[in-house]
Amino acid sequence: MVGRLEATVHHGIAEVAFLLGPEYWGRGYASQSLQWLHAYLAENLALRQYWAVTAPANWRCQKLLLRNGYCEQSPPEFPLYSYDPGDKIF
């Protein structure tokens, strides 16, 4: 197993999350997984709005999200279930 990929769907959006084993970092698996997940959610649930949160120190995740079309955001008007105070929102 390389890792875990998930989407929590609510309020017409998908909160995405991923966790890969460190031995698989930097090989493109996370980007490929996000691209697959985006396509799956768009095709099967007509979702096109994706959100993610990271701990401020997780610069690898932040760079990955930016490379995959995410941008840093202010908190939305709807809840983000994976958000902890102080997290960065994308």
Protein backbone atom coordinates (compact mmCIF):
# COMPACT_ATOMS: atom_id res chain seq x y z
CA MET A 1 0.00 0.00 0.00
CA VAL A 2 1.31 3.43 -0.98
CA GLY A 3 -1.04 5.49 1.15
CA ARG A 4 -4.56 6.75 1.66
CA LEU A 5 -6.76 9.10 -0.39
CA GLU A 6 -10.16 10.39 0.68
CA ALA A 7 -12.85 12.97 0.04
CA THR A 8 -15.46 14.17 2.49
CA VAL A 9 -18.38 15.51 0.45
CA HIS A 10 -20.61 18.14 2.04
CA HIS A 11 -22.17 21.54 1.23
CA GLY A 12 -21.59 20.88 -2.48
CA ILE A 13 -17.80 20.63 -2.08
CA ALA A 14 -15.22 17.92 -1.46
CA GLU A 15 -12.66 18.16 1.31
CA VAL A 16 -9.75 16.08 0.08
CA ALA A 17 -7.02 14.46 2.09
CA PHE A 18 -4.11 12.17 1.35
CA LEU A 19 -1.42 10.42 3.35
CA LEU A 20 1.48 8.61 1.72
CA GLY A 21 4.30 6.64 3.26
CA PRO A 22 7.51 8.72 3.32
CA GLU A 23 9.24 6.20 1.04
CA TYR A 24 6.77 7.24 -1.70
CA TRP A 25 7.18 11.02 -1.38
CA GLY A 26 8.51 12.89 -4.41
CA ARG A 27 7.50 10.22 -6.93
CA GLY A 28 4.33 11.87 -8.23
CA TYR A 29 1.89 9.48 -6.53
CA ALA A 30 0.09 12.21 -4.57
CA SER A 31 -0.36 14.43 -7.65
CA GLN A 32 -1.57 11.50 -9.71
CA SER A 33 -3.97 10.51 -6.92
CA LEU A 34 -5.40 14.03 -6.62
CA GLN A 35 -5.90 14.25 -10.38
CA TRP A 36 -7.73 10.90 -10.37
CA LEU A 37 -9.86 11.95 -7.39
CA HIS A 38 -10.81 15.28 -9.01
CA ALA A 39 -11.84 13.48 -12.20
CA TYR A 40 -13.81 10.85 -10.27
CA LEU A 41 -15.68 13.42 -8.19
CA ALA A 42 -16.45 15.56 -11.24
CA GLU A 43 -17.69 12.63 -13.29
CA ASN A 44 -19.64 10.77 -10.61
CA LEU A 45 -20.86 13.54 -8.30
CA ALA A 46 -20.62 16.64 -10.53
CA LEU A 47 -18.29 18.26 -7.97
CA ARG A 48 -15.76 20.81 -9.12
CA GLN A 49 -14.90 22.56 -5.88
CA TYR A 50 -12.18 20.95 -3.80
CA TRP A 51 -10.74 22.10 -0.48
CA ALA A 52 -7.84 20.88 1.65
CA VAL A 53 -6.23 21.90 4.92
CA THR A 54 -2.66 21.45 6.13
CA ALA A 55 -0.67 22.10 9.24
CA PRO A 56 1.37 25.30 8.80
CA ALA A 57 4.66 23.39 8.95
CA ASN A 58 3.68 20.90 6.22
CA TRP A 59 5.36 22.74 3.35
CA ARG A 60 5.54 19.59 1.18
CA CYS A 61 1.75 19.25 1.20
CA GLN A 62 1.28 22.97 0.55
CA LYS A 63 3.59 22.86 -2.49
CA LEU A 64 1.77 19.79 -3.77
CA LEU A 65 -1.61 21.49 -3.46
CA LEU A 66 -0.33 24.62 -5.23
CA ARG A 67 1.08 22.50 -8.08
CA ASN A 68 -2.34 20.87 -8.44
CA GLY A 69 -4.33 24.08 -8.84
CA TYR A 70 -5.19 24.88 -5.23
CA CYS A 71 -4.56 28.32 -3.76
CA GLU A 72 -4.44 29.46 -0.17
CA GLN A 73 -7.86 30.67 1.02
CA SER A 74 -9.56 32.39 3.90
CA PRO A 75 -12.02 30.25 5.87
CA PRO A 76 -15.19 29.70 3.82
CA GLU A 77 -18.71 30.41 5.05
CA PHE A 78 -19.39 26.67 5.36
CA PRO A 79 -17.56 24.38 7.80
CA LEU A 80 -14.45 22.45 6.87
CA TYR A 81 -14.61 19.25 8.89
CA SER A 82 -10.88 18.53 8.77
CA TYR A 83 -9.89 22.06 9.85
CA ASP A 84 -8.08 22.64 13.13
CA PRO A 85 -7.45 26.20 14.36
CA GLY A 86 -4.25 27.50 12.79
CA ASP A 87 -4.35 25.21 9.74
CA LYS A 88 -3.73 26.61 6.29
CA ILE A 89 -6.72 26.34 3.98
CA PHE A 90 -6.46 25.59 0.27
